[in-house]
Amino acid sequence: MESLIIETDDEKLIPKIAKPGDAGYDLMSNFGGIILQPGETVLVSTGIKMEIPIGYEAQIRPRSGLALKHGITVLNSPGTIDSGYRGEVGVILHNAGEDLFEIEKYDRIAQMVINKIEQPIIVVGKVDSTDRGAGGFGSTGK
C-alpha cells in the first residue's frame, strides 16, 4: 500500500492505532465543550485532512465502547472518505442514548479503517438466475 498522508496543525490529532493488530485508527475531536443531547446529531471536527491513495477508501465507524456505554454512534456508519477528497475530516455523531454526552478536545470519537476497493467494469446485460432469486429481507427465515 502507498502511504496515507495526514495534514494537521496539531500532532496530537494524528490518527493512531491503540494496540498492535487493531484494524482501526482512532479519530479524535479537534474541539471541546461539545454537548450532544439525547437524540441529537452533530458534525465533529477532527482537525485533519488526508490524501488517501487511489484504490483505497477510509471508512469511519463507531467506537464500540462509546456505543455500548453511552449510545454514541456514527450516524452514516460506515461513512466513506474517497481518495479524491481533500477537505477536513468530520464525523457525524448521533446520541442514541438517554443522557447528554460531552465531548472534549482529543477525545477519541470514532475509528477509521482503510480498505482497498475494487471497481469492476459495469456491463449492461441480463443477470443469471440463482436458487435464491429475488428473495431478500428475511426470505431465509429467522
C-alpha atoms as a PDB file:
ATOM      1  CA  MET A   1       0.000   0.000   0.000  1.00  0.00           C
ATOM      2  CA  GLU A   2       1.109   3.509  -0.687  1.00  0.00           C
ATOM      3  CA  SER A   3       1.346   5.998   2.157  1.00  0.00           C
ATOM      4  CA  LEU A   4      -1.654   7.708   3.710  1.00  0.00           C
ATOM      5  CA  ILE A   5      -0.740  11.387   4.084  1.00  0.00           C
ATOM      6  CA  ILE A   6      -2.190  13.289   7.055  1.00  0.00           C
ATOM      7  CA  GLU A   7      -2.209  17.095   7.295  1.00  0.00           C
ATOM      8  CA  THR A   8      -2.846  18.774  10.646  1.00  0.00           C
ATOM      9  CA  ASP A   9      -1.714  21.768  12.685  1.00  0.00           C
ATOM     10  CA  ASP A  10      -1.792  19.646  15.864  1.00  0.00           C
ATOM     11  CA  GLU A  11       0.260  16.434  16.002  1.00  0.00           C
ATOM     12  CA  LYS A  12      -1.888  15.118  18.886  1.00  0.00           C
ATOM     13  CA  LEU A  13      -4.751  14.755  16.356  1.00  0.00           C
ATOM     14  CA  ILE A  14      -2.858  12.338  14.089  1.00  0.00           C
ATOM     15  CA  PRO A  15      -4.902   9.099  13.946  1.00  0.00           C
ATOM     16  CA  LYS A  16      -3.293   6.262  15.893  1.00  0.00           C
ATOM     17  CA  ILE A  17      -3.797   2.532  16.315  1.00  0.00           C
ATOM     18  CA  ALA A  18      -4.199   1.795  20.048  1.00  0.00           C
ATOM     19  CA  LYS A  19      -2.751  -1.734  20.054  1.00  0.00           C
ATOM     20  CA  PRO A  20      -0.778  -3.844  17.576  1.00  0.00           C
ATOM     21  CA  GLY A  21      -3.161  -5.728  15.320  1.00  0.00           C
ATOM     22  CA  ASP A  22      -6.037  -3.225  15.674  1.00  0.00           C
ATOM     23  CA  ALA A  23      -7.837  -2.603  12.386  1.00  0.00           C
ATOM     24  CA  GLY A  24      -8.970   0.943  13.155  1.00  0.00           C
ATOM     25  CA  TYR A  25      -7.125   4.189  13.726  1.00  0.00           C
ATOM     26  CA  ASP A  26      -8.622   6.344  16.493  1.00  0.00           C
ATOM     27  CA  LEU A  27     -10.004   9.703  15.383  1.00  0.00           C
ATOM     28  CA  MET A  28     -10.139  12.497  17.939  1.00  0.00           C
ATOM     29  CA  SER A  29     -12.188  15.628  18.423  1.00  0.00           C
ATOM     30  CA  ASN A  30     -10.496  18.893  17.482  1.00  0.00           C
ATOM     31  CA  PHE A  31     -12.687  20.904  19.879  1.00  0.00           C
ATOM     32  CA  GLY A  32     -14.002  20.549  23.412  1.00  0.00           C
ATOM     33  CA  GLY A  33     -17.166  21.617  25.158  1.00  0.00           C
ATOM     34  CA  ILE A  34     -19.444  19.887  22.649  1.00  0.00           C
ATOM     35  CA  ILE A  35     -22.657  18.748  24.341  1.00  0.00           C
ATOM     36  CA  LEU A  36     -24.608  16.067  22.495  1.00  0.00           C
ATOM     37  CA  GLN A  37     -28.172  15.874  23.801  1.00  0.00           C
ATOM     38  CA  PRO A  38     -30.161  12.607  23.572  1.00  0.00           C
ATOM     39  CA  GLY A  39     -31.454  12.245  20.011  1.00  0.00           C
ATOM     40  CA  GLU A  40     -29.109  14.982  18.723  1.00  0.00           C
ATOM     41  CA  THR A  41     -26.719  14.695  15.785  1.00  0.00           C
ATOM     42  CA  VAL A  42     -23.605  16.827  15.376  1.00  0.00           C
ATOM     43  CA  LEU A  43     -20.686  17.080  12.947  1.00  0.00           C
ATOM     44  CA  VAL A  44     -17.470  16.846  14.975  1.00  0.00           C
ATOM     45  CA  SER A  45     -14.234  18.279  13.569  1.00  0.00           C
ATOM     46  CA  THR A  46     -11.144  16.052  13.653  1.00  0.00           C
ATOM     47  CA  GLY A  47      -8.638  18.733  12.625  1.00  0.00           C
ATOM     48  CA  ILE A  48      -7.110  16.526   9.919  1.00  0.00           C
ATOM     49  CA  LYS A  49      -7.057  16.355   6.128  1.00  0.00           C
ATOM     50  CA  MET A  50      -5.947  13.235   4.287  1.00  0.00           C
ATOM     51  CA  GLU A  51      -4.540  12.144   0.970  1.00  0.00           C
ATOM     52  CA  ILE A  52      -5.772   8.592   0.528  1.00  0.00           C
ATOM     53  CA  PRO A  53      -4.059   6.606  -2.251  1.00  0.00           C
ATOM     54  CA  ILE A  54      -6.159   5.879  -5.331  1.00  0.00           C
ATOM     55  CA  GLY A  55      -7.686   2.413  -5.000  1.00  0.00           C
ATOM     56  CA  TYR A  56      -8.365   2.866  -1.265  1.00  0.00           C
ATOM     57  CA  GLU A  57     -11.041   4.415   0.928  1.00  0.00           C
ATOM     58  CA  ALA A  58     -11.303   5.357   4.587  1.00  0.00           C
ATOM     59  CA  GLN A  59     -14.353   4.079   6.464  1.00  0.00           C
ATOM     60  CA  ILE A  60     -15.433   5.963   9.588  1.00  0.00           C
ATOM     61  CA  ARG A  61     -17.025   3.675  12.169  1.00  0.00           C
ATOM     62  CA  PRO A  62     -18.357   3.957  15.724  1.00  0.00           C
ATOM     63  CA  ARG A  63     -16.192   3.112  18.703  1.00  0.00           C
ATOM     64  CA  SER A  64     -17.732   0.088  20.389  1.00  0.00           C
ATOM     65  CA  GLY A  65     -17.211   1.407  23.930  1.00  0.00           C
ATOM     66  CA  LEU A  66     -18.986   4.705  23.174  1.00  0.00           C
ATOM     67  CA  ALA A  67     -21.842   2.819  21.524  1.00  0.00           C
ATOM     68  CA  LEU A  68     -22.296   0.326  24.372  1.00  0.00           C
ATOM     69  CA  LYS A  69     -21.779   2.655  27.339  1.00  0.00           C
ATOM     70  CA  HIS A  70     -23.302   5.901  26.023  1.00  0.00           C
ATOM     71  CA  GLY A  71     -25.319   5.157  22.867  1.00  0.00           C
ATOM     72  CA  ILE A  72     -22.949   7.282  20.750  1.00  0.00           C
ATOM     73  CA  THR A  73     -22.704   6.142  17.143  1.00  0.00           C
ATOM     74  CA  VAL A  74     -21.572   7.349  13.734  1.00  0.00           C
ATOM     75  CA  LEU A  75     -24.877   8.131  12.052  1.00  0.00           C
ATOM     76  CA  ASN A  76     -23.911   7.236   8.473  1.00  0.00           C
ATOM     77  CA  SER A  77     -21.877   4.237   9.547  1.00  0.00           C
ATOM     78  CA  PRO A  78     -19.698   3.411   7.891  1.00  0.00           C
ATOM     79  CA  GLY A  79     -19.005   6.850   6.481  1.00  0.00           C
ATOM     80  CA  THR A  80     -16.791   6.726   3.403  1.00  0.00           C
ATOM     81  CA  ILE A  81     -13.982   9.112   2.569  1.00  0.00           C
ATOM     82  CA  ASP A  82     -12.952   8.816  -1.067  1.00  0.00           C
ATOM     83  CA  SER A  83      -9.373   9.124  -2.314  1.00  0.00           C
ATOM     84  CA  GLY A  84     -10.161  12.383  -4.128  1.00  0.00           C
ATOM     85  CA  TYR A  85     -11.463  14.236  -1.043  1.00  0.00           C
ATOM     86  CA  ARG A  86      -9.055  16.796   0.413  1.00  0.00           C
ATOM     87  CA  GLY A  87     -11.221  18.679   2.936  1.00  0.00           C
ATOM     88  CA  GLU A  88     -11.193  18.364   6.698  1.00  0.00           C
ATOM     89  CA  VAL A  89     -12.480  15.059   8.019  1.00  0.00           C
ATOM     90  CA  GLY A  90     -15.648  15.416  10.085  1.00  0.00           C
ATOM     91  CA  VAL A  91     -17.504  12.704  11.975  1.00  0.00           C
ATOM     92  CA  ILE A  92     -21.317  12.667  12.144  1.00  0.00           C
ATOM     93  CA  LEU A  93     -22.031  11.585  15.713  1.00  0.00           C
ATOM     94  CA  HIS A  94     -25.504  10.737  16.993  1.00  0.00           C
ATOM     95  CA  ASN A  95     -26.568  10.316  20.606  1.00  0.00           C
ATOM     96  CA  ALA A  96     -28.983   7.374  20.694  1.00  0.00           C
ATOM     97  CA  GLY A  97     -28.589   7.181  24.469  1.00  0.00           C
ATOM     98  CA  GLU A  98     -30.746   8.631  27.232  1.00  0.00           C
ATOM     99  CA  ASP A  99     -28.170  11.016  28.744  1.00  0.00           C
ATOM    100  CA  LEU A 100     -26.326  14.029  27.402  1.00  0.00           C
ATOM    101  CA  PHE A 101     -22.791  13.298  26.265  1.00  0.00           C
ATOM    102  CA  GLU A 102     -19.921  15.788  26.456  1.00  0.00           C
ATOM    103  CA  ILE A 103     -17.012  15.726  24.022  1.00  0.00           C
ATOM    104  CA  GLU A 104     -13.687  17.294  24.960  1.00  0.00           C
ATOM    105  CA  LYS A 105     -10.718  18.094  22.741  1.00  0.00           C
ATOM    106  CA  TYR A 106      -8.648  14.957  21.991  1.00  0.00           C
ATOM    107  CA  ASP A 107     -11.478  12.588  22.970  1.00  0.00           C
ATOM    108  CA  ARG A 108     -11.455   9.505  20.750  1.00  0.00           C
ATOM    109  CA  ILE A 109     -14.774   9.811  18.912  1.00  0.00           C
ATOM    110  CA  ALA A 110     -14.626   7.242  16.095  1.00  0.00           C
ATOM    111  CA  GLN A 111     -12.355   4.818  14.336  1.00  0.00           C
ATOM    112  CA  MET A 112     -11.088   4.856  10.772  1.00  0.00           C
ATOM    113  CA  VAL A 113     -10.412   1.698   8.778  1.00  0.00           C
ATOM    114  CA  ILE A 114      -8.526   1.884   5.466  1.00  0.00           C
ATOM    115  CA  ASN A 115      -9.807  -0.525   2.812  1.00  0.00           C
ATOM    116  CA  LYS A 116      -8.663  -1.452  -0.655  1.00  0.00           C
ATOM    117  CA  ILE A 117     -11.505  -1.080  -3.121  1.00  0.00           C
ATOM    118  CA  GLU A 118     -12.172  -2.722  -6.450  1.00  0.00           C
ATOM    119  CA  GLN A 119     -14.148  -1.072  -9.206  1.00  0.00           C
ATOM    120  CA  PRO A 120     -15.278  -3.699 -11.706  1.00  0.00           C
ATOM    121  CA  ILE A 121     -16.315  -2.760 -15.207  1.00  0.00           C
ATOM    122  CA  ILE A 122     -20.092  -2.385 -15.466  1.00  0.00           C
ATOM    123  CA  VAL A 123     -21.647  -4.366 -18.317  1.00  0.00           C
ATOM    124  CA  VAL A 124     -25.293  -3.980 -19.264  1.00  0.00           C
ATOM    125  CA  GLY A 125     -26.962  -7.313 -19.813  1.00  0.00           C
ATOM    126  CA  LYS A 126     -29.189  -9.957 -18.268  1.00  0.00           C
ATOM    127  CA  VAL A 127     -28.290 -11.279 -14.799  1.00  0.00           C
ATOM    128  CA  ASP A 128     -28.061 -15.041 -14.235  1.00  0.00           C
ATOM    129  CA  SER A 129     -30.708 -16.739 -12.100  1.00  0.00           C
ATOM    130  CA  THR A 130     -29.861 -18.378  -8.755  1.00  0.00           C
ATOM    131  CA  ASP A 131     -31.646 -20.644  -6.266  1.00  0.00           C
ATOM    132  CA  ARG A 132     -32.253 -17.622  -4.051  1.00  0.00           C
ATOM    133  CA  GLY A 133     -33.512 -15.441  -6.874  1.00  0.00           C
ATOM    134  CA  ALA A 134     -35.005 -12.135  -5.709  1.00  0.00           C
ATOM    135  CA  GLY A 135     -35.659 -13.360  -2.161  1.00  0.00           C
ATOM    136  CA  GLY A 136     -34.387 -10.876   0.394  1.00  0.00           C
ATOM    137  CA  PHE A 137     -35.302  -9.033   3.596  1.00  0.00           C
ATOM    138  CA  GLY A 138     -35.744 -12.118   5.744  1.00  0.00           C
ATOM    139  CA  SER A 139     -36.679 -14.550   2.984  1.00  0.00           C
ATOM    140  CA  THR A 140     -34.421 -17.219   4.544  1.00  0.00           C
ATOM    141  CA  GLY A 141     -36.223 -17.049   7.895  1.00  0.00           C
ATOM    142  CA  LYS A 142     -35.067 -16.065  11.378  1.00  0.00           C
END
